[in-house]
Amino acid sequence: MSHTIKVKGSVINNPDDNNIGKAHFVHCVATGGTQTGVVKNSGGDTLGQFYLHAAGDSIVIEKTTTDTITLADGHASACAPRS
């Protein structure tokens, strides 16, 4: 599925408990095969997971600025939804 976003920052490769520049919206793309990403709060508690089926699959995550994202084999970058 294609979607339009406003790019807000640099790409972070394989983010690990990274707040992605304190972004509110984050565009995540799988660069390897199947990926399960994790969103945690600032205390390290898991808030949820997201699944990317194959390389090239992507999703936009909405989070608070202190929440972190882990995506073992993928890219993440700050973005804003296009209104």
C-alpha atoms as a PDB file:
ATOM      1  CA  MET A   1       0.000   0.000   0.000  1.00  0.00           C
ATOM      2  CA  SER A   2       1.287   3.421  -0.885  1.00  0.00           C
ATOM      3  CA  HIS A   3       0.813   6.460   1.312  1.00  0.00           C
ATOM      4  CA  THR A   4       2.022  10.038   1.278  1.00  0.00           C
ATOM      5  CA  ILE A   5       3.922  11.445   4.248  1.00  0.00           C
ATOM      6  CA  LYS A   6       5.950  14.549   5.032  1.00  0.00           C
ATOM      7  CA  VAL A   7       9.570  13.634   5.738  1.00  0.00           C
ATOM      8  CA  LYS A   8      10.830  15.121   9.013  1.00  0.00           C
ATOM      9  CA  GLY A   9      14.250  13.575   9.681  1.00  0.00           C
ATOM     10  CA  SER A  10      17.064  11.243   8.735  1.00  0.00           C
ATOM     11  CA  VAL A  11      16.745   7.497   8.293  1.00  0.00           C
ATOM     12  CA  ILE A  12      17.839   5.403  11.261  1.00  0.00           C
ATOM     13  CA  ASN A  13      19.059   1.920  10.355  1.00  0.00           C
ATOM     14  CA  ASN A  14      17.955  -0.959  12.588  1.00  0.00           C
ATOM     15  CA  PRO A  15      16.655   1.213  15.447  1.00  0.00           C
ATOM     16  CA  ASP A  16      17.018  -0.337  18.903  1.00  0.00           C
ATOM     17  CA  ASP A  17      14.962   1.321  21.675  1.00  0.00           C
ATOM     18  CA  ASN A  18      15.283   4.579  19.733  1.00  0.00           C
ATOM     19  CA  ASN A  19      12.817   7.480  20.094  1.00  0.00           C
ATOM     20  CA  ILE A  20      13.554   8.483  16.471  1.00  0.00           C
ATOM     21  CA  GLY A  21      14.380  12.100  17.330  1.00  0.00           C
ATOM     22  CA  LYS A  22      11.360  12.312  19.663  1.00  0.00           C
ATOM     23  CA  ALA A  23       9.084  11.986  16.632  1.00  0.00           C
ATOM     24  CA  HIS A  24       5.324  11.710  17.062  1.00  0.00           C
ATOM     25  CA  PHE A  25       4.905   9.782  13.783  1.00  0.00           C
ATOM     26  CA  VAL A  26       7.492   7.293  12.481  1.00  0.00           C
ATOM     27  CA  HIS A  27       7.687   5.628   9.057  1.00  0.00           C
ATOM     28  CA  CYS A  28       9.109   2.089   9.416  1.00  0.00           C
ATOM     29  CA  VAL A  29      10.241  -0.066   6.478  1.00  0.00           C
ATOM     30  CA  ALA A  30      11.396  -3.702   6.588  1.00  0.00           C
ATOM     31  CA  THR A  31      14.685  -4.212   4.744  1.00  0.00           C
ATOM     32  CA  GLY A  32      14.978  -7.929   5.469  1.00  0.00           C
ATOM     33  CA  GLY A  33      12.308 -10.579   5.512  1.00  0.00           C
ATOM     34  CA  THR A  34       9.484 -10.790   8.021  1.00  0.00           C
ATOM     35  CA  GLN A  35       9.881  -8.238  10.825  1.00  0.00           C
ATOM     36  CA  THR A  36       8.148  -7.743  14.165  1.00  0.00           C
ATOM     37  CA  GLY A  37       8.733  -4.262  15.517  1.00  0.00           C
ATOM     38  CA  VAL A  38       8.267  -3.227  19.140  1.00  0.00           C
ATOM     39  CA  VAL A  39       7.054   0.057  20.643  1.00  0.00           C
ATOM     40  CA  LYS A  40       7.967   0.723  24.295  1.00  0.00           C
ATOM     41  CA  ASN A  41       7.297   3.592  26.674  1.00  0.00           C
ATOM     42  CA  SER A  42      10.139   5.527  28.332  1.00  0.00           C
ATOM     43  CA  GLY A  43      10.072   3.078  31.258  1.00  0.00           C
ATOM     44  CA  GLY A  44      10.827   0.151  28.951  1.00  0.00           C
ATOM     45  CA  ASP A  45       7.350  -1.389  29.097  1.00  0.00           C
ATOM     46  CA  THR A  46       6.153  -2.857  25.796  1.00  0.00           C
ATOM     47  CA  LEU A  47       3.135  -0.939  24.504  1.00  0.00           C
ATOM     48  CA  GLY A  48       2.656  -3.053  21.407  1.00  0.00           C
ATOM     49  CA  GLN A  49       4.133  -4.767  18.400  1.00  0.00           C
ATOM     50  CA  PHE A  50       3.688  -4.388  14.659  1.00  0.00           C
ATOM     51  CA  TYR A  51       4.293  -6.906  11.900  1.00  0.00           C
ATOM     52  CA  LEU A  52       5.845  -6.344   8.483  1.00  0.00           C
ATOM     53  CA  HIS A  53       5.387  -9.336   6.193  1.00  0.00           C
ATOM     54  CA  ALA A  54       8.329  -8.896   3.807  1.00  0.00           C
ATOM     55  CA  ALA A  55      11.143  -6.608   2.733  1.00  0.00           C
ATOM     56  CA  GLY A  56       9.673  -3.346   1.474  1.00  0.00           C
ATOM     57  CA  ASP A  57       6.571  -3.485   3.666  1.00  0.00           C
ATOM     58  CA  SER A  58       6.031  -0.272   5.605  1.00  0.00           C
ATOM     59  CA  ILE A  59       3.858   1.283   8.278  1.00  0.00           C
ATOM     60  CA  VAL A  60       3.482   4.669   9.963  1.00  0.00           C
ATOM     61  CA  ILE A  61       3.451   4.411  13.762  1.00  0.00           C
ATOM     62  CA  GLU A  62       1.912   7.095  15.982  1.00  0.00           C
ATOM     63  CA  LYS A  63       3.639   7.320  19.363  1.00  0.00           C
ATOM     64  CA  THR A  64       4.438   9.786  22.126  1.00  0.00           C
ATOM     65  CA  THR A  65       7.737  11.605  21.812  1.00  0.00           C
ATOM     66  CA  THR A  66       9.397   9.522  24.539  1.00  0.00           C
ATOM     67  CA  ASP A  67       8.234   6.114  23.254  1.00  0.00           C
ATOM     68  CA  THR A  68      10.898   4.025  21.532  1.00  0.00           C
ATOM     69  CA  ILE A  69      10.908   1.731  18.502  1.00  0.00           C
ATOM     70  CA  THR A  70      12.938  -1.389  17.854  1.00  0.00           C
ATOM     71  CA  LEU A  71      13.095  -2.848  14.335  1.00  0.00           C
ATOM     72  CA  ALA A  72      15.895  -5.399  13.977  1.00  0.00           C
ATOM     73  CA  ASP A  73      16.223  -5.350  10.186  1.00  0.00           C
ATOM     74  CA  GLY A  74      14.693  -2.156   8.887  1.00  0.00           C
ATOM     75  CA  HIS A  75      14.737   1.615   8.640  1.00  0.00           C
ATOM     76  CA  ALA A  76      12.785   4.208  10.588  1.00  0.00           C
ATOM     77  CA  SER A  77      12.421   7.955  10.069  1.00  0.00           C
ATOM     78  CA  ALA A  78      10.380  10.761  11.558  1.00  0.00           C
ATOM     79  CA  CYS A  79       7.428  11.863   9.477  1.00  0.00           C
ATOM     80  CA  ALA A  80       4.094  13.610   9.604  1.00  0.00           C
ATOM     81  CA  PRO A  81       0.878  12.422   7.992  1.00  0.00           C
ATOM     82  CA  ARG A  82      -0.198  14.380   4.957  1.00  0.00           C
ATOM     83  CA  SER A  83      -3.420  16.219   5.715  1.00  0.00           C
END
